[in-house]
Amino acid sequence: MNLIAIFDNKVLIAVLIGWLLAQALKIPTEYLRSRRWMWAMFFAPGGMPSSHSALLVSGTMAVGLYHGFDNPLFGIAVAITMIVVHDAAGVRRQAGMHAERINLLFEELLKGHMWDENELKEVIGHTPLEVVGGILLGFLVAITQWIVWP
């Protein structure tokens, strides 16, 4: 088995580049939003752009570009991408909104009591704009890679 051959997997490379760029772009976009450099955003869920969307769209487009849009793998990739993108903007966003409200309830009911260790994560989903940002980034990554590395 030749592990070096993994670097010839163009779909995998597109997926990794899409994810890495999305995570890296969260830092400056968070700065533009809050005027604070938050380096931990590289590892954070949520934020602009959606790394879930960027990762899967770049992979799906790479499957289509490199292996054909008529390939059954492209169809499977589209289906998985649709599920994850819907989840990123829908279910996970709603869970984040619920966590935000529950944390507010705890804060109001238990004034003065520290809840830092058990506080629910509020930023676990994406706004529709963040998802669109991830989708556009994914398209850009796959198409650019295909042009540079046909």
C-alpha atoms as a PDB file:
ATOM      1  CA  MET A   1       0.000   0.000   0.000  1.00  0.00           C
ATOM      2  CA  ASN A   2       1.405   3.354  -1.070  1.00  0.00           C
ATOM      3  CA  LEU A   3       0.415   6.076   1.398  1.00  0.00           C
ATOM      4  CA  ILE A   4       2.025   8.778  -0.748  1.00  0.00           C
ATOM      5  CA  ALA A   5      -0.692   8.090  -3.348  1.00  0.00           C
ATOM      6  CA  ILE A   6      -3.171   9.800  -1.022  1.00  0.00           C
ATOM      7  CA  PHE A   7      -1.751  13.097  -2.281  1.00  0.00           C
ATOM      8  CA  ASP A   8      -2.959  12.168  -5.778  1.00  0.00           C
ATOM      9  CA  ASN A   9      -6.570  12.037  -4.557  1.00  0.00           C
ATOM     10  CA  LYS A  10      -7.803  15.307  -6.033  1.00  0.00           C
ATOM     11  CA  VAL A  11     -11.211  15.079  -4.365  1.00  0.00           C
ATOM     12  CA  LEU A  12      -9.619  14.642  -0.937  1.00  0.00           C
ATOM     13  CA  ILE A  13      -7.289  17.579  -1.566  1.00  0.00           C
ATOM     14  CA  ALA A  14     -10.248  19.779  -2.593  1.00  0.00           C
ATOM     15  CA  VAL A  15     -12.153  18.779   0.554  1.00  0.00           C
ATOM     16  CA  LEU A  16      -9.192  19.549   2.806  1.00  0.00           C
ATOM     17  CA  ILE A  17      -8.486  22.887   1.102  1.00  0.00           C
ATOM     18  CA  GLY A  18     -12.172  23.854   1.343  1.00  0.00           C
ATOM     19  CA  TRP A  19     -12.266  23.072   5.056  1.00  0.00           C
ATOM     20  CA  LEU A  20      -8.915  24.728   5.810  1.00  0.00           C
ATOM     21  CA  LEU A  21      -9.776  27.943   3.951  1.00  0.00           C
ATOM     22  CA  ALA A  22     -13.211  28.152   5.567  1.00  0.00           C
ATOM     23  CA  GLN A  23     -11.757  27.732   9.044  1.00  0.00           C
ATOM     24  CA  ALA A  24      -9.005  30.282   8.332  1.00  0.00           C
ATOM     25  CA  LEU A  25     -11.483  32.811   6.909  1.00  0.00           C
ATOM     26  CA  LYS A  26     -13.499  32.710  10.132  1.00  0.00           C
ATOM     27  CA  ILE A  27     -10.752  34.711  11.863  1.00  0.00           C
ATOM     28  CA  PRO A  28     -10.861  37.853   9.658  1.00  0.00           C
ATOM     29  CA  THR A  29     -14.640  37.698   9.195  1.00  0.00           C
ATOM     30  CA  GLU A  30     -15.082  37.559  12.968  1.00  0.00           C
ATOM     31  CA  TYR A  31     -12.719  40.541  13.248  1.00  0.00           C
ATOM     32  CA  LEU A  32     -14.867  42.489  10.777  1.00  0.00           C
ATOM     33  CA  ARG A  33     -17.940  41.627  12.834  1.00  0.00           C
ATOM     34  CA  SER A  34     -16.606  42.227  16.363  1.00  0.00           C
ATOM     35  CA  ARG A  35     -13.422  44.299  15.823  1.00  0.00           C
ATOM     36  CA  ARG A  36     -11.525  41.718  17.922  1.00  0.00           C
ATOM     37  CA  TRP A  37      -8.999  39.162  16.705  1.00  0.00           C
ATOM     38  CA  MET A  38     -10.267  35.829  17.933  1.00  0.00           C
ATOM     39  CA  TRP A  39      -7.722  33.224  16.836  1.00  0.00           C
ATOM     40  CA  ALA A  40      -9.749  30.439  18.451  1.00  0.00           C
ATOM     41  CA  MET A  41     -12.314  30.886  15.665  1.00  0.00           C
ATOM     42  CA  PHE A  42     -10.088  28.594  13.589  1.00  0.00           C
ATOM     43  CA  PHE A  43     -11.324  25.700  15.742  1.00  0.00           C
ATOM     44  CA  ALA A  44     -14.820  27.019  16.462  1.00  0.00           C
ATOM     45  CA  PRO A  45     -18.092  25.698  15.090  1.00  0.00           C
ATOM     46  CA  GLY A  46     -20.338  28.274  13.454  1.00  0.00           C
ATOM     47  CA  GLY A  47     -19.068  31.505  11.954  1.00  0.00           C
ATOM     48  CA  MET A  48     -18.555  32.826   8.441  1.00  0.00           C
ATOM     49  CA  PRO A  49     -18.151  30.924   6.168  1.00  0.00           C
ATOM     50  CA  SER A  50     -19.647  27.543   6.996  1.00  0.00           C
ATOM     51  CA  SER A  51     -16.811  25.018   6.859  1.00  0.00           C
ATOM     52  CA  HIS A  52     -19.360  22.186   6.612  1.00  0.00           C
ATOM     53  CA  SER A  53     -20.775  23.705   3.441  1.00  0.00           C
ATOM     54  CA  ALA A  54     -17.378  24.598   1.983  1.00  0.00           C
ATOM     55  CA  LEU A  55     -15.956  21.136   2.649  1.00  0.00           C
ATOM     56  CA  LEU A  56     -18.835  19.228   1.096  1.00  0.00           C
ATOM     57  CA  VAL A  57     -19.472  21.533  -1.852  1.00  0.00           C
ATOM     58  CA  SER A  58     -15.778  21.521  -2.784  1.00  0.00           C
ATOM     59  CA  GLY A  59     -15.741  17.725  -2.569  1.00  0.00           C
ATOM     60  CA  THR A  60     -18.967  17.317  -4.526  1.00  0.00           C
ATOM     61  CA  MET A  61     -17.801  19.681  -7.260  1.00  0.00           C
ATOM     62  CA  ALA A  62     -14.424  17.922  -7.392  1.00  0.00           C
ATOM     63  CA  VAL A  63     -16.173  14.560  -7.877  1.00  0.00           C
ATOM     64  CA  GLY A  64     -18.163  16.063 -10.736  1.00  0.00           C
ATOM     65  CA  LEU A  65     -15.229  17.833 -12.352  1.00  0.00           C
ATOM     66  CA  TYR A  66     -12.725  14.988 -12.071  1.00  0.00           C
ATOM     67  CA  HIS A  67     -14.981  11.949 -12.424  1.00  0.00           C
ATOM     68  CA  GLY A  68     -17.984  13.282 -14.323  1.00  0.00           C
ATOM     69  CA  PHE A  69     -21.305  14.775 -13.380  1.00  0.00           C
ATOM     70  CA  ASP A  70     -22.952  11.599 -14.670  1.00  0.00           C
ATOM     71  CA  ASN A  71     -20.993   9.447 -12.198  1.00  0.00           C
ATOM     72  CA  PRO A  72     -23.180   7.845  -9.493  1.00  0.00           C
ATOM     73  CA  LEU A  73     -20.689   9.081  -6.884  1.00  0.00           C
ATOM     74  CA  PHE A  74     -21.585  12.649  -7.857  1.00  0.00           C
ATOM     75  CA  GLY A  75     -25.247  11.886  -7.144  1.00  0.00           C
ATOM     76  CA  ILE A  76     -24.421  10.463  -3.724  1.00  0.00           C
ATOM     77  CA  ALA A  77     -22.173  13.453  -2.985  1.00  0.00           C
ATOM     78  CA  VAL A  78     -24.981  15.883  -3.907  1.00  0.00           C
ATOM     79  CA  ALA A  79     -27.397  14.067  -1.589  1.00  0.00           C
ATOM     80  CA  ILE A  80     -24.961  14.116   1.340  1.00  0.00           C
ATOM     81  CA  THR A  81     -24.135  17.771   0.680  1.00  0.00           C
ATOM     82  CA  MET A  82     -27.819  18.696   0.705  1.00  0.00           C
ATOM     83  CA  ILE A  83     -28.334  16.956   4.049  1.00  0.00           C
ATOM     84  CA  VAL A  84     -25.303  18.565   5.699  1.00  0.00           C
ATOM     85  CA  VAL A  85     -26.025  22.059   4.347  1.00  0.00           C
ATOM     86  CA  HIS A  86     -29.638  21.812   5.518  1.00  0.00           C
ATOM     87  CA  ASP A  87     -28.457  20.593   8.907  1.00  0.00           C
ATOM     88  CA  ALA A  88     -25.854  23.372   9.210  1.00  0.00           C
ATOM     89  CA  ALA A  89     -28.444  26.088   8.644  1.00  0.00           C
ATOM     90  CA  GLY A  90     -31.455  24.363  10.138  1.00  0.00           C
ATOM     91  CA  VAL A  91     -31.163  21.855  12.963  1.00  0.00           C
ATOM     92  CA  ARG A  92     -27.803  23.017  14.289  1.00  0.00           C
ATOM     93  CA  ARG A  93     -28.870  26.678  14.112  1.00  0.00           C
ATOM     94  CA  GLN A  94     -32.062  25.934  16.058  1.00  0.00           C
ATOM     95  CA  ALA A  95     -30.061  23.996  18.664  1.00  0.00           C
ATOM     96  CA  GLY A  96     -27.782  27.018  19.054  1.00  0.00           C
ATOM     97  CA  MET A  97     -30.766  29.323  19.501  1.00  0.00           C
ATOM     98  CA  HIS A  98     -32.197  26.992  22.149  1.00  0.00           C
ATOM     99  CA  ALA A  99     -28.853  26.905  23.953  1.00  0.00           C
ATOM    100  CA  GLU A 100     -28.757  30.709  23.906  1.00  0.00           C
ATOM    101  CA  ARG A 101     -32.217  30.946  25.485  1.00  0.00           C
ATOM    102  CA  ILE A 102     -31.463  28.250  28.078  1.00  0.00           C
ATOM    103  CA  ASN A 103     -28.242  30.034  29.055  1.00  0.00           C
ATOM    104  CA  LEU A 104     -30.197  33.277  29.441  1.00  0.00           C
ATOM    105  CA  LEU A 105     -32.744  31.472  31.618  1.00  0.00           C
ATOM    106  CA  PHE A 106     -29.977  30.074  33.837  1.00  0.00           C
ATOM    107  CA  GLU A 107     -28.437  33.518  34.103  1.00  0.00           C
ATOM    108  CA  GLU A 108     -31.740  35.110  35.133  1.00  0.00           C
ATOM    109  CA  LEU A 109     -32.725  32.355  37.562  1.00  0.00           C
ATOM    110  CA  LEU A 110     -29.364  31.908  39.209  1.00  0.00           C
ATOM    111  CA  LYS A 111     -27.857  35.388  39.422  1.00  0.00           C
ATOM    112  CA  GLY A 112     -24.356  35.294  40.782  1.00  0.00           C
ATOM    113  CA  HIS A 113     -23.852  31.561  40.332  1.00  0.00           C
ATOM    114  CA  MET A 114     -21.027  30.620  37.935  1.00  0.00           C
ATOM    115  CA  TRP A 115     -22.121  28.258  35.139  1.00  0.00           C
ATOM    116  CA  ASP A 116     -19.059  28.519  32.874  1.00  0.00           C
ATOM    117  CA  GLU A 117     -18.197  24.823  32.965  1.00  0.00           C
ATOM    118  CA  ASN A 118     -21.655  23.580  32.054  1.00  0.00           C
ATOM    119  CA  GLU A 119     -22.841  26.425  29.827  1.00  0.00           C
ATOM    120  CA  LEU A 120     -24.321  25.189  26.575  1.00  0.00           C
ATOM    121  CA  LYS A 121     -22.591  26.033  23.304  1.00  0.00           C
ATOM    122  CA  GLU A 122     -24.578  28.736  21.550  1.00  0.00           C
ATOM    123  CA  VAL A 123     -22.647  28.949  18.280  1.00  0.00           C
ATOM    124  CA  ILE A 124     -23.185  25.490  16.863  1.00  0.00           C
ATOM    125  CA  GLY A 125     -25.115  26.390  13.735  1.00  0.00           C
ATOM    126  CA  HIS A 126     -24.911  28.796  10.847  1.00  0.00           C
ATOM    127  CA  THR A 127     -27.000  31.637   9.542  1.00  0.00           C
ATOM    128  CA  PRO A 128     -28.183  31.262   5.947  1.00  0.00           C
ATOM    129  CA  LEU A 129     -25.562  33.846   4.877  1.00  0.00           C
ATOM    130  CA  GLU A 130     -22.762  31.806   6.476  1.00  0.00           C
ATOM    131  CA  VAL A 131     -23.993  28.702   4.641  1.00  0.00           C
ATOM    132  CA  VAL A 132     -24.111  30.574   1.318  1.00  0.00           C
ATOM    133  CA  GLY A 133     -20.573  31.816   2.020  1.00  0.00           C
ATOM    134  CA  GLY A 134     -19.442  28.221   2.543  1.00  0.00           C
ATOM    135  CA  ILE A 135     -21.193  27.049  -0.629  1.00  0.00           C
ATOM    136  CA  LEU A 136     -19.565  29.787  -2.719  1.00  0.00           C
ATOM    137  CA  LEU A 137     -16.168  29.057  -1.182  1.00  0.00           C
ATOM    138  CA  GLY A 138     -16.602  25.355  -1.954  1.00  0.00           C
ATOM    139  CA  PHE A 139     -17.401  26.081  -5.612  1.00  0.00           C
ATOM    140  CA  LEU A 140     -14.422  28.447  -5.832  1.00  0.00           C
ATOM    141  CA  VAL A 141     -12.008  25.927  -4.298  1.00  0.00           C
ATOM    142  CA  ALA A 142     -13.040  23.032  -6.549  1.00  0.00           C
ATOM    143  CA  ILE A 143     -13.108  25.052  -9.768  1.00  0.00           C
ATOM    144  CA  THR A 144      -9.788  26.769  -9.011  1.00  0.00           C
ATOM    145  CA  GLN A 145      -8.151  23.442  -8.175  1.00  0.00           C
ATOM    146  CA  TRP A 146      -9.547  21.874 -11.365  1.00  0.00           C
ATOM    147  CA  ILE A 147      -8.154  24.748 -13.461  1.00  0.00           C
ATOM    148  CA  VAL A 148      -4.741  24.592 -11.756  1.00  0.00           C
ATOM    149  CA  TRP A 149      -4.557  20.776 -11.422  1.00  0.00           C
ATOM    150  CA  PRO A 150      -6.663  19.240 -14.218  1.00  0.00           C
END
